[in-house]
Amino acid sequence: MTRIFRTLICVAGIVLLITAYAKLASLFAGNGSKILDVQEPLFALRYRYIFGVTGTIEALVGFHCLLSKEQRLSATLLASLSSSFVLYRVGTAWIGYHQPCPCFGSFADKLNIDPDLADQLVRFALGYFLIVSCSFFVHDRINGRLGMRLGEKTKSGNAPDDFRTSI
């Protein structure tokens, strides 16, 4: 089980690094992307700032997913980030904004990817992140590992000395 989730979390990390690269490359591209000066609909900030913040966060979470052996923290970061993205999407839909998300910045334009296709890819990735992170916690809960972290005793009757050794 651990190997399967490790692989799924690594794939999520790679996807996050790709999307982070797309956002950050748009910021630092010398030719100046038009999308950077457009105001995004929910927070009324220019995409320049949104791409900078989200690209950096995606890169940090992506590197953590790839390089860290702490699967629980990786799954928590992935669940938090994907939940934030879902809330953003719900917020934009709530205010009536139904345009494709420019999440890839100018990267999609350079690769001649249709904006609707890019939006569908982002939605698929978001669903993947949610499924991987939530299934990690469901599996953990079914196996009783969350209870051990809360002070319950193991099957042998002893509480684990350090919850990290019980993973």
Foldseek 3Di string as FASTA:
>chain_A
DLVVLLVLLLVLLVVLLQLLCLLVCQLPPPVHFPQQQDQDDQPRHGSSVVSVVSSVLSNVLSCCSNPPSPSLVNLVSLQVSLVVVVVVVVRCVVVPNDFQDCSSGCVCVVVVHDSVVVSVVVVVSSVSSNVSSVVVVVVCVVVPLVVLVVPDADPVRHRDPDSVVVD
